[in-house]
Protein backbone atom coordinates (compact mmCIF):
# COMPACT_ATOMS: atom_id res chain seq x y z
CA MET A 1 -26.99 -11.90 -8.79
CA THR A 2 -25.68 -8.52 -10.12
CA THR A 3 -24.85 -7.49 -13.61
CA LEU A 4 -21.56 -5.75 -14.52
CA SER A 5 -20.63 -3.78 -17.68
CA ILE A 6 -17.05 -4.75 -18.61
CA ASN A 7 -14.93 -3.51 -21.63
CA LYS A 8 -14.64 -6.19 -24.20
CA ASP A 9 -10.93 -6.20 -24.18
CA LEU A 10 -10.69 -6.47 -20.38
CA LEU A 11 -13.22 -9.28 -20.46
CA GLU A 12 -11.13 -11.10 -23.01
CA GLN A 13 -8.10 -10.66 -20.66
CA ILE A 14 -10.15 -11.82 -17.61
CA ASN A 15 -11.40 -14.93 -19.58
CA ALA A 16 -7.77 -15.85 -20.55
CA GLU A 17 -6.62 -15.41 -17.05
CA ALA A 18 -9.43 -17.63 -15.73
CA GLN A 19 -8.70 -20.33 -18.27
CA ASN A 20 -5.01 -20.29 -17.40
CA GLU A 21 -6.06 -20.70 -13.57
CA ALA A 22 -8.93 -23.22 -14.27
CA ARG A 23 -11.22 -20.74 -12.55
CA SER A 24 -14.36 -19.20 -13.48
CA VAL A 25 -14.66 -15.37 -14.54
CA THR A 26 -16.67 -14.84 -11.47
CA GLU A 27 -14.07 -16.16 -9.17
CA VAL A 28 -11.28 -14.03 -11.00
CA ILE A 29 -13.51 -10.88 -10.77
CA SER A 30 -14.46 -11.61 -7.11
CA ASP A 31 -10.90 -12.15 -6.04
CA ALA A 32 -9.80 -9.01 -7.71
CA ILE A 33 -12.28 -6.93 -6.13
CA SER A 34 -11.64 -8.24 -2.87
CA SER A 35 -7.90 -7.75 -3.27
CA TYR A 36 -8.80 -4.15 -4.24
CA ILE A 37 -10.83 -3.51 -1.19
CA GLN A 38 -8.30 -5.06 1.17
CA LYS A 39 -5.51 -2.96 -0.32
CA LYS A 40 -7.68 0.21 0.13
CA ARG A 41 -8.28 -0.52 3.79
CA LYS A 42 -4.57 -1.39 4.42
CA ASN A 43 -3.52 1.96 2.71
CA LYS A 44 -6.10 3.74 4.87
CA ALA A 45 -4.76 2.02 7.93
CA ILE A 46 -1.24 2.76 6.98
CA ALA A 47 -2.19 6.59 6.54
CA ILE A 48 -3.76 6.67 9.96
CA SER A 49 -0.73 4.97 11.43
CA ASN A 50 1.59 7.43 9.77
CA ASN A 51 -0.51 10.28 10.92
CA SER A 52 -0.12 8.88 14.56
CA PHE A 53 3.77 8.19 13.93
CA MET A 54 4.14 11.90 12.98
CA ASP A 55 2.77 13.18 16.07
CA PHE A 56 5.81 11.76 17.84
CA TYR A 57 7.96 14.00 15.60
CA GLY A 58 6.83 17.41 17.04
CA ILE A 59 10.61 18.37 17.69
CA PHE A 60 11.02 18.32 13.88
CA LYS A 61 8.00 20.53 13.02
CA ASP A 62 10.15 23.36 11.79
CA LYS A 63 12.90 21.42 10.32
CA PRO A 64 13.25 18.20 8.35
CA ILE A 65 13.91 15.02 10.10
CA PRO A 66 17.67 14.30 9.91
CA ASP A 67 19.07 11.86 7.59
CA LYS A 68 20.21 8.57 9.22
CA LEU A 69 23.75 9.05 8.33
CA GLU A 70 23.81 12.43 9.94
CA LEU A 71 22.45 11.09 13.08
CA ARG A 72 24.93 8.20 13.09
CA LYS A 73 27.83 10.82 12.84
CA GLU A 74 26.54 13.07 15.60
CA PHE A 75 26.01 9.94 17.82
CA HIS A 76 29.62 8.77 17.19
CA GLU A 77 31.19 12.29 17.62
CA LYS A 78 29.37 12.70 20.94
CA ASN A 79 30.13 9.21 22.15
CA SER A 80 33.81 9.02 21.05
CA HIS A 81 35.05 11.81 23.59
């Protein structure tokens, strides 16, 4: 078992939430911590994925990635002739 120090106002909110959901305070806090950890892991995975994704954009190293509408316009101009 572990002891946590929680602000009184926050603990009152957690108690109210637990009562509304017919759950224990321990369940609410455990779920909140688990969700927090999963979110952090997901964000870390997305950041890694984004870095890998940006490796494919080497051609845009010195200029920004073109706007979608600009790309469509150029595509249609090239293919309409």
